[in-house]
Amino acid sequence: MDYFECIQKRFSCRSFKEEKVSKEILEGVLQAGLLAPTACNYQPERIVVVEDPSIIERLKEATRYTFNAKTILIVCHDKNESWHRGNDGVDHGIVDSTIVATQMVLALTSLGLASCYVCSFKEKLAREILGLSDHLHIDIMLPIGYPKEVLPHNKRKDLDSIVIYK
């Protein structure tokens, strides 16, 4: 599958099969995330792989968007290691996490798997459930797996409505 076919096939999956993602595929997807660019190459991303059914069940206290996935990737950034913009101190760790997550999402898509970006969660509660330190900020939860059904990409706006040429 070439790149443009991959980005056209990616969709937000909200229903997964019972089949678990193999360790080999999971490691390949994690490797795709590891190869993502980060600000100043600081690599502040941390990825928590959640496969324990009891922990996934507890995560439902922090978000209702687990979609019965057997694996959830929790993409975080270490606030002590992320790049902060010099003129105003803005932390760009969430940008790095998003790039990492996107590369993993596209790797999953290329392999016939699916995912869904989940940003609606109680971050503090999720951090407590996972036993994460305060310096780790959870940016994205990615339920992953084999889709029950493959859906078409949502309709997108026309290029003219989002691009401004000067």
N, C-alpha and C. Protein backbone atom coordinates (compact mmCIF):
# COMPACT_ATOMS: atom_id res chain seq x y z
N MET A 1 0.86 -1.18 0.00
CA MET A 1 0.00 0.00 0.00
C MET A 1 0.90 1.24 0.00
N ASP A 2 0.67 2.16 -0.93
CA ASP A 2 1.50 3.36 -0.93
C ASP A 2 0.94 4.37 0.08
N TYR A 3 1.70 5.43 0.30
CA TYR A 3 1.36 6.40 1.33
C TYR A 3 -0.02 7.02 1.13
N PHE A 4 -0.32 7.46 -0.10
CA PHE A 4 -1.59 8.14 -0.33
C PHE A 4 -2.77 7.19 -0.18
N GLU A 5 -2.60 5.94 -0.54
CA GLU A 5 -3.65 4.96 -0.32
C GLU A 5 -3.86 4.76 1.19
N CYS A 6 -2.75 4.72 1.92
CA CYS A 6 -2.81 4.54 3.37
C CYS A 6 -3.58 5.68 4.05
N ILE A 7 -3.25 6.93 3.70
CA ILE A 7 -3.94 8.04 4.37
C ILE A 7 -5.39 8.13 3.95
N GLN A 8 -5.71 7.61 2.76
CA GLN A 8 -7.12 7.60 2.35
C GLN A 8 -7.90 6.50 3.04
N LYS A 9 -7.23 5.42 3.43
CA LYS A 9 -7.91 4.30 4.09
C LYS A 9 -8.04 4.47 5.60
N ARG A 10 -7.25 5.36 6.19
CA ARG A 10 -7.31 5.55 7.63
C ARG A 10 -8.68 6.10 8.03
N PHE A 11 -9.24 5.55 9.07
CA PHE A 11 -10.51 6.04 9.61
C PHE A 11 -10.50 5.83 11.12
N SER A 12 -11.40 6.49 11.80
CA SER A 12 -11.51 6.35 13.25
C SER A 12 -12.40 5.14 13.55
N CYS A 13 -11.77 4.08 14.01
CA CYS A 13 -12.47 2.83 14.28
C CYS A 13 -13.06 2.86 15.68
N ARG A 14 -14.34 2.53 15.76
CA ARG A 14 -15.01 2.54 17.06
C ARG A 14 -15.62 1.19 17.43
N SER A 15 -15.11 0.15 16.73
CA SER A 15 -15.59 -1.20 17.01
C SER A 15 -14.53 -2.19 16.54
N PHE A 16 -13.95 -2.93 17.51
CA PHE A 16 -12.85 -3.83 17.20
C PHE A 16 -13.25 -5.29 17.37
N LYS A 17 -12.60 -6.16 16.59
CA LYS A 17 -12.78 -7.60 16.73
C LYS A 17 -12.12 -8.06 18.02
N GLU A 18 -12.43 -9.28 18.42
CA GLU A 18 -11.86 -9.87 19.63
C GLU A 18 -10.38 -10.24 19.46
N GLU A 19 -9.94 -10.41 18.22
CA GLU A 19 -8.57 -10.83 17.93
C GLU A 19 -7.55 -9.83 18.47
N LYS A 20 -6.57 -10.35 19.17
CA LYS A 20 -5.53 -9.51 19.78
C LYS A 20 -4.43 -9.24 18.75
N VAL A 21 -3.82 -8.06 18.85
CA VAL A 21 -2.70 -7.69 17.99
C VAL A 21 -1.47 -8.48 18.45
N SER A 22 -0.78 -9.11 17.50
CA SER A 22 0.39 -9.91 17.86
C SER A 22 1.53 -9.02 18.36
N LYS A 23 2.41 -9.62 19.14
CA LYS A 23 3.57 -8.89 19.67
C LYS A 23 4.44 -8.38 18.52
N GLU A 24 4.60 -9.16 17.49
CA GLU A 24 5.43 -8.77 16.34
C GLU A 24 4.86 -7.52 15.65
N ILE A 25 3.56 -7.51 15.40
CA ILE A 25 2.94 -6.34 14.77
C ILE A 25 3.01 -5.15 15.71
N LEU A 26 2.71 -5.36 16.99
CA LEU A 26 2.75 -4.28 17.96
C LEU A 26 4.14 -3.64 18.01
N GLU A 27 5.18 -4.44 18.03
CA GLU A 27 6.53 -3.90 18.08
C GLU A 27 6.88 -3.11 16.82
N GLY A 28 6.39 -3.56 15.66
CA GLY A 28 6.60 -2.82 14.42
C GLY A 28 5.91 -1.46 14.46
N VAL A 29 4.71 -1.43 15.00
CA VAL A 29 3.95 -0.18 15.13
C VAL A 29 4.65 0.76 16.11
N LEU A 30 5.12 0.22 17.21
CA LEU A 30 5.85 1.05 18.19
C LEU A 30 7.14 1.60 17.57
N GLN A 31 7.79 0.79 16.76
CA GLN A 31 9.00 1.23 16.06
C GLN A 31 8.68 2.40 15.13
N ALA A 32 7.53 2.36 14.46
CA ALA A 32 7.12 3.47 13.59
C ALA A 32 6.98 4.75 14.41
N GLY A 33 6.45 4.63 15.61
CA GLY A 33 6.35 5.79 16.50
C GLY A 33 7.71 6.30 16.92
N LEU A 34 8.61 5.37 17.21
CA LEU A 34 9.96 5.74 17.63
C LEU A 34 10.69 6.54 16.55
N LEU A 35 10.36 6.29 15.29
CA LEU A 35 11.02 6.98 14.18
C LEU A 35 10.46 8.37 13.90
N ALA A 36 9.43 8.76 14.62
CA ALA A 36 8.80 10.06 14.39
C ALA A 36 9.74 11.21 14.76
N PRO A 37 9.65 12.31 14.02
CA PRO A 37 10.44 13.49 14.39
C PRO A 37 9.87 14.12 15.66
N THR A 38 10.76 14.68 16.47
CA THR A 38 10.35 15.43 17.65
C THR A 38 11.16 16.72 17.71
N ALA A 39 10.61 17.71 18.39
CA ALA A 39 11.28 19.01 18.49
C ALA A 39 12.67 18.84 19.09
N CYS A 40 13.67 19.35 18.39
CA CYS A 40 15.08 19.28 18.81
C CYS A 40 15.56 17.85 19.05
N ASN A 41 14.81 16.89 18.53
CA ASN A 41 15.11 15.47 18.71
C ASN A 41 15.18 15.08 20.19
N TYR A 42 14.40 15.75 21.03
CA TYR A 42 14.41 15.45 22.47
C TYR A 42 13.74 14.12 22.79
N GLN A 43 12.85 13.67 21.92
CA GLN A 43 12.16 12.39 22.08
C GLN A 43 11.51 12.23 23.47
N PRO A 44 10.62 13.15 23.83
CA PRO A 44 10.00 13.08 25.16
C PRO A 44 8.83 12.10 25.24
N GLU A 45 8.50 11.45 24.13
CA GLU A 45 7.33 10.58 24.13
C GLU A 45 7.56 9.35 24.99
N ARG A 46 6.49 8.92 25.63
CA ARG A 46 6.47 7.68 26.37
C ARG A 46 5.18 6.99 25.96
N ILE A 47 5.26 5.71 25.65
CA ILE A 47 4.09 4.97 25.20
C ILE A 47 3.84 3.83 26.18
N VAL A 48 2.68 3.86 26.79
CA VAL A 48 2.28 2.80 27.71
C VAL A 48 1.38 1.85 26.93
N VAL A 49 1.79 0.59 26.85
CA VAL A 49 1.00 -0.42 26.14
C VAL A 49 0.13 -1.11 27.18
N VAL A 50 -1.18 -0.95 27.03
CA VAL A 50 -2.12 -1.55 27.98
C VAL A 50 -2.83 -2.71 27.29
N GLU A 51 -2.56 -3.93 27.80
CA GLU A 51 -3.21 -5.13 27.28
C GLU A 51 -3.93 -5.91 28.37
N ASP A 52 -3.65 -5.58 29.60
CA ASP A 52 -4.26 -6.26 30.74
C ASP A 52 -5.75 -5.89 30.78
N PRO A 53 -6.64 -6.88 30.62
CA PRO A 53 -8.08 -6.59 30.60
C PRO A 53 -8.57 -5.85 31.85
N SER A 54 -7.98 -6.13 33.01
CA SER A 54 -8.44 -5.46 34.23
C SER A 54 -8.06 -3.98 34.22
N ILE A 55 -6.91 -3.65 33.63
CA ILE A 55 -6.52 -2.23 33.54
C ILE A 55 -7.38 -1.53 32.50
N ILE A 56 -7.65 -2.20 31.38
CA ILE A 56 -8.53 -1.60 30.37
C ILE A 56 -9.91 -1.34 30.98
N GLU A 57 -10.39 -2.27 31.78
CA GLU A 57 -11.68 -2.08 32.44
C GLU A 57 -11.65 -0.87 33.37
N ARG A 58 -10.55 -0.71 34.10
CA ARG A 58 -10.42 0.45 34.99
C ARG A 58 -10.33 1.75 34.20
N LEU A 59 -9.69 1.70 33.03
CA LEU A 59 -9.58 2.92 32.20
C LEU A 59 -10.96 3.43 31.77
N LYS A 60 -11.96 2.56 31.79
CA LYS A 60 -13.32 2.98 31.45
C LYS A 60 -13.86 3.97 32.48
N GLU A 61 -13.21 4.06 33.65
CA GLU A 61 -13.57 5.09 34.64
C GLU A 61 -13.08 6.46 34.17
N ALA A 62 -12.02 6.47 33.36
CA ALA A 62 -11.43 7.72 32.89
C ALA A 62 -11.94 8.14 31.52
N THR A 63 -12.42 7.18 30.73
CA THR A 63 -12.97 7.47 29.41
C THR A 63 -13.96 6.39 29.02
N ARG A 64 -14.96 6.78 28.29
CA ARG A 64 -15.91 5.78 27.80
C ARG A 64 -15.52 5.30 26.41
N TYR A 65 -14.40 5.80 25.89
CA TYR A 65 -14.01 5.54 24.50
C TYR A 65 -12.90 4.51 24.39
N THR A 66 -13.13 3.31 24.89
CA THR A 66 -12.16 2.23 24.72
C THR A 66 -12.55 1.32 23.55
N PHE A 67 -13.81 1.38 23.16
CA PHE A 67 -14.33 0.66 21.98
C PHE A 67 -14.06 -0.83 22.01
N ASN A 68 -13.96 -1.40 23.21
CA ASN A 68 -13.71 -2.83 23.41
C ASN A 68 -12.41 -3.32 22.77
N ALA A 69 -11.44 -2.42 22.60
CA ALA A 69 -10.15 -2.81 22.06
C ALA A 69 -9.40 -3.66 23.08
N LYS A 70 -8.62 -4.61 22.59
CA LYS A 70 -7.83 -5.49 23.45
C LYS A 70 -6.48 -4.86 23.79
N THR A 71 -6.11 -3.81 23.04
CA THR A 71 -4.86 -3.09 23.28
C THR A 71 -5.14 -1.59 23.19
N ILE A 72 -4.62 -0.85 24.15
CA ILE A 72 -4.71 0.61 24.10
C ILE A 72 -3.30 1.16 24.29
N LEU A 73 -2.90 2.01 23.35
CA LEU A 73 -1.61 2.69 23.46
C LEU A 73 -1.86 4.04 24.10
N ILE A 74 -1.19 4.30 25.19
CA ILE A 74 -1.32 5.57 25.90
C ILE A 74 -0.08 6.39 25.53
N VAL A 75 -0.28 7.45 24.76
CA VAL A 75 0.84 8.25 24.28
C VAL A 75 0.98 9.47 25.19
N CYS A 76 2.13 9.55 25.83
CA CYS A 76 2.42 10.59 26.81
C CYS A 76 3.65 11.37 26.37
N HIS A 77 3.89 12.46 27.06
CA HIS A 77 5.19 13.11 26.94
C HIS A 77 5.70 13.46 28.33
N ASP A 78 7.01 13.41 28.46
CA ASP A 78 7.66 13.76 29.72
C ASP A 78 7.88 15.27 29.71
N LYS A 79 7.16 15.97 30.58
CA LYS A 79 7.24 17.44 30.62
C LYS A 79 8.64 17.93 30.98
N ASN A 80 9.45 17.09 31.62
CA ASN A 80 10.82 17.47 31.97
C ASN A 80 11.79 17.31 30.81
N GLU A 81 11.36 16.60 29.76
CA GLU A 81 12.24 16.33 28.63
C GLU A 81 11.77 16.97 27.33
N SER A 82 10.57 17.50 27.29
CA SER A 82 10.06 18.07 26.05
C SER A 82 10.64 19.46 25.80
N TRP A 83 10.63 19.85 24.54
CA TRP A 83 11.13 21.17 24.16
C TRP A 83 10.09 22.22 24.50
N HIS A 84 10.54 23.32 25.10
CA HIS A 84 9.67 24.45 25.44
C HIS A 84 10.14 25.64 24.62
N ARG A 85 9.21 26.28 23.93
CA ARG A 85 9.54 27.42 23.08
C ARG A 85 10.16 28.53 23.92
N GLY A 86 11.27 29.08 23.42
CA GLY A 86 12.04 30.06 24.19
C GLY A 86 11.33 31.35 24.52
N ASN A 87 10.56 31.91 23.60
CA ASN A 87 9.98 33.23 23.86
C ASN A 87 8.78 33.21 24.80
N ASP A 88 8.09 32.07 24.93
CA ASP A 88 6.92 32.04 25.82
C ASP A 88 6.82 30.77 26.66
N GLY A 89 7.77 29.85 26.51
CA GLY A 89 7.79 28.65 27.33
C GLY A 89 6.76 27.59 27.01
N VAL A 90 6.04 27.73 25.89
CA VAL A 90 5.01 26.75 25.54
C VAL A 90 5.65 25.37 25.34
N ASP A 91 5.06 24.39 26.00
CA ASP A 91 5.52 23.01 25.94
C ASP A 91 5.03 22.37 24.64
N HIS A 92 5.96 21.88 23.83
CA HIS A 92 5.59 21.26 22.56
C HIS A 92 5.56 19.74 22.63
N GLY A 93 5.55 19.19 23.84
CA GLY A 93 5.48 17.74 24.00
C GLY A 93 4.24 17.13 23.39
N ILE A 94 3.11 17.84 23.47
CA ILE A 94 1.88 17.31 22.89
C ILE A 94 1.97 17.24 21.37
N VAL A 95 2.71 18.17 20.77
CA VAL A 95 2.93 18.12 19.32
C VAL A 95 3.74 16.87 18.99
N ASP A 96 4.81 16.64 19.74
CA ASP A 96 5.63 15.45 19.52
C ASP A 96 4.80 14.18 19.69
N SER A 97 3.98 14.12 20.73
CA SER A 97 3.13 12.94 20.96
C SER A 97 2.17 12.72 19.79
N THR A 98 1.65 13.79 19.26
CA THR A 98 0.70 13.68 18.15
C THR A 98 1.38 13.14 16.90
N ILE A 99 2.59 13.59 16.64
CA ILE A 99 3.33 13.08 15.48
C ILE A 99 3.63 11.59 15.68
N VAL A 100 4.08 11.22 16.87
CA VAL A 100 4.35 9.82 17.19
C VAL A 100 3.09 8.99 16.98
N ALA A 101 1.97 9.45 17.52
CA ALA A 101 0.71 8.73 17.40
C ALA A 101 0.29 8.59 15.94
N THR A 102 0.46 9.65 15.17
CA THR A 102 0.07 9.61 13.76
C THR A 102 0.89 8.59 12.99
N GLN A 103 2.18 8.53 13.25
CA GLN A 103 2.99 7.53 12.55
C GLN A 103 2.56 6.12 12.93
N MET A 104 2.18 5.90 14.18
CA MET A 104 1.71 4.57 14.59
C MET A 104 0.35 4.27 13.94
N VAL A 105 -0.52 5.27 13.88
CA VAL A 105 -1.83 5.09 13.26
C VAL A 105 -1.69 4.70 11.79
N LEU A 106 -0.79 5.37 11.09
CA LEU A 106 -0.60 5.06 9.67
C LEU A 106 0.06 3.69 9.50
N ALA A 107 0.96 3.31 10.40
CA ALA A 107 1.54 1.97 10.35
C ALA A 107 0.45 0.92 10.55
N LEU A 108 -0.43 1.14 11.51
CA LEU A 108 -1.55 0.23 11.74
C LEU A 108 -2.41 0.10 10.49
N THR A 109 -2.74 1.23 9.89
CA THR A 109 -3.59 1.24 8.69
C THR A 109 -2.94 0.44 7.58
N SER A 110 -1.63 0.64 7.39
CA SER A 110 -0.93 -0.06 6.31
C SER A 110 -0.93 -1.57 6.50
N LEU A 111 -1.13 -2.02 7.74
CA LEU A 111 -1.15 -3.45 8.06
C LEU A 111 -2.57 -4.02 8.15
N GLY A 112 -3.57 -3.20 7.83
CA GLY A 112 -4.96 -3.66 7.88
C GLY A 112 -5.60 -3.57 9.24
N LEU A 113 -4.95 -2.90 10.18
CA LEU A 113 -5.51 -2.69 11.50
C LEU A 113 -6.08 -1.28 11.57
N ALA A 114 -6.62 -0.92 12.71
CA ALA A 114 -7.25 0.39 12.84
C ALA A 114 -7.05 0.93 14.25
N SER A 115 -7.45 2.17 14.42
CA SER A 115 -7.29 2.86 15.69
C SER A 115 -8.27 4.02 15.74
N CYS A 116 -8.25 4.70 16.87
CA CYS A 116 -9.05 5.90 17.02
C CYS A 116 -8.33 6.82 18.00
N TYR A 117 -8.13 8.08 17.60
CA TYR A 117 -7.54 9.05 18.51
C TYR A 117 -8.58 9.35 19.59
N VAL A 118 -8.20 9.18 20.84
CA VAL A 118 -9.09 9.52 21.95
C VAL A 118 -8.39 10.56 22.81
N CYS A 119 -9.00 11.72 22.88
CA CYS A 119 -8.47 12.80 23.72
C CYS A 119 -9.47 13.21 24.79
N SER A 120 -10.61 12.55 24.83
CA SER A 120 -11.63 12.83 25.84
C SER A 120 -11.46 11.82 26.97
N PHE A 121 -10.72 12.24 27.99
CA PHE A 121 -10.49 11.39 29.14
C PHE A 121 -10.11 12.25 30.34
N LYS A 122 -10.27 11.67 31.51
CA LYS A 122 -9.87 12.33 32.75
C LYS A 122 -8.39 12.00 32.96
N GLU A 123 -7.55 12.96 32.60
CA GLU A 123 -6.11 12.71 32.56
C GLU A 123 -5.54 12.31 33.92
N LYS A 124 -5.90 13.01 34.95
CA LYS A 124 -5.37 12.71 36.28
C LYS A 124 -5.78 11.31 36.74
N LEU A 125 -7.04 10.95 36.53
CA LEU A 125 -7.52 9.63 36.91
C LEU A 125 -6.81 8.55 36.09
N ALA A 126 -6.67 8.77 34.79
CA ALA A 126 -5.98 7.79 33.95
C ALA A 126 -4.53 7.61 34.41
N ARG A 127 -3.87 8.71 34.75
CA ARG A 127 -2.49 8.64 35.23
C ARG A 127 -2.42 7.83 36.53
N GLU A 128 -3.40 8.02 37.41
CA GLU A 128 -3.45 7.26 38.67
C GLU A 128 -3.67 5.76 38.40
N ILE A 129 -4.60 5.45 37.51
CA ILE A 129 -4.89 4.04 37.17
C ILE A 129 -3.64 3.36 36.63
N LEU A 130 -2.89 4.09 35.81
CA LEU A 130 -1.69 3.54 35.17
C LEU A 130 -0.44 3.65 36.05
N GLY A 131 -0.55 4.36 37.16
CA GLY A 131 0.59 4.52 38.06
C GLY A 131 1.69 5.37 37.46
N LEU A 132 1.32 6.41 36.72
CA LEU A 132 2.29 7.28 36.06
C LEU A 132 2.63 8.48 36.93
N SER A 133 3.87 8.92 36.84
CA SER A 133 4.34 10.10 37.58
C SER A 133 3.70 11.37 37.04
N ASP A 134 3.69 12.41 37.88
CA ASP A 134 3.11 13.69 37.49
C ASP A 134 3.81 14.35 36.31
N HIS A 135 5.08 14.05 36.11
CA HIS A 135 5.81 14.68 35.00
C HIS A 135 5.46 14.05 33.64
N LEU A 136 4.72 12.94 33.67
CA LEU A 136 4.23 12.35 32.42
C LEU A 136 2.82 12.86 32.16
N HIS A 137 2.64 13.50 31.02
CA HIS A 137 1.33 14.03 30.64
C HIS A 137 0.74 13.12 29.57
N ILE A 138 -0.45 12.57 29.85
CA ILE A 138 -1.12 11.74 28.85
C ILE A 138 -1.75 12.66 27.81
N ASP A 139 -1.34 12.47 26.56
CA ASP A 139 -1.84 13.31 25.47
C ASP A 139 -2.94 12.63 24.66
N ILE A 140 -2.76 11.34 24.37
CA ILE A 140 -3.67 10.63 23.48
C ILE A 140 -3.79 9.19 23.94
N MET A 141 -5.00 8.66 23.88
CA MET A 141 -5.21 7.22 24.04
C MET A 141 -5.56 6.68 22.66
N LEU A 142 -4.90 5.58 22.28
CA LEU A 142 -5.15 4.96 20.98
C LEU A 142 -5.62 3.52 21.16
N PRO A 143 -6.94 3.29 21.23
CA PRO A 143 -7.40 1.90 21.16
C PRO A 143 -7.02 1.38 19.77
N ILE A 144 -6.44 0.18 19.71
CA ILE A 144 -6.01 -0.36 18.42
C ILE A 144 -6.48 -1.80 18.28
N GLY A 145 -6.55 -2.25 17.04
CA GLY A 145 -6.91 -3.64 16.78
C GLY A 145 -7.43 -3.83 15.38
N TYR A 146 -8.05 -4.99 15.19
CA TYR A 146 -8.64 -5.32 13.89
C TYR A 146 -10.07 -4.78 13.87
N PRO A 147 -10.40 -3.98 12.87
CA PRO A 147 -11.74 -3.37 12.84
C PRO A 147 -12.83 -4.41 12.56
N LYS A 148 -13.97 -4.25 13.23
CA LYS A 148 -15.12 -5.11 12.92
C LYS A 148 -15.62 -4.82 11.52
N GLU A 149 -15.56 -3.55 11.13
CA GLU A 149 -15.90 -3.16 9.76
C GLU A 149 -14.99 -2.02 9.34
N VAL A 150 -14.67 -2.02 8.05
CA VAL A 150 -13.82 -0.96 7.51
C VAL A 150 -14.74 0.11 6.94
N LEU A 151 -14.57 1.31 7.44
CA LEU A 151 -15.42 2.42 7.02
C LEU A 151 -14.66 3.36 6.09
N PRO A 152 -15.38 4.07 5.25
CA PRO A 152 -14.71 5.06 4.39
C PRO A 152 -14.26 6.25 5.23
N HIS A 153 -13.27 6.93 4.72
CA HIS A 153 -12.78 8.15 5.37
C HIS A 153 -13.92 9.16 5.40
N ASN A 154 -14.04 9.90 6.50
CA ASN A 154 -15.07 10.95 6.58
C ASN A 154 -14.86 11.98 5.49
N LYS A 155 -15.94 12.62 5.08
CA LYS A 155 -15.85 13.67 4.07
C LYS A 155 -14.97 14.80 4.59
N ARG A 156 -14.12 15.29 3.73
CA ARG A 156 -13.21 16.37 4.09
C ARG A 156 -13.64 17.66 3.40
N LYS A 157 -13.24 18.77 3.96
CA LYS A 157 -13.50 20.07 3.36
C LYS A 157 -12.71 20.18 2.06
N ASP A 158 -13.14 21.09 1.19
CA ASP A 158 -12.39 21.35 -0.03
C ASP A 158 -11.10 22.08 0.32
N LEU A 159 -10.07 21.85 -0.47
CA LEU A 159 -8.78 22.48 -0.25
C LEU A 159 -8.89 24.00 -0.20
N ASP A 160 -9.72 24.55 -1.07
CA ASP A 160 -9.89 26.02 -1.13
C ASP A 160 -10.43 26.60 0.18
N SER A 161 -11.13 25.78 0.96
CA SER A 161 -11.72 26.29 2.19
C SER A 161 -10.75 26.27 3.38
N ILE A 162 -9.60 25.63 3.22
CA ILE A 162 -8.66 25.55 4.34
C ILE A 162 -7.27 26.12 4.04
N VAL A 163 -6.96 26.34 2.77
CA VAL A 163 -5.63 26.82 2.40
C VAL A 163 -5.70 28.29 2.02
N ILE A 164 -4.76 29.05 2.56
CA ILE A 164 -4.68 30.49 2.26
C ILE A 164 -3.34 30.73 1.60
N TYR A 165 -3.36 31.23 0.39
CA TYR A 165 -2.12 31.58 -0.31
C TYR A 165 -1.88 33.08 -0.17
N LYS A 166 -0.67 33.48 0.07
CA LYS A 166 -0.29 34.89 0.17
C LYS A 166 0.81 35.19 -0.82
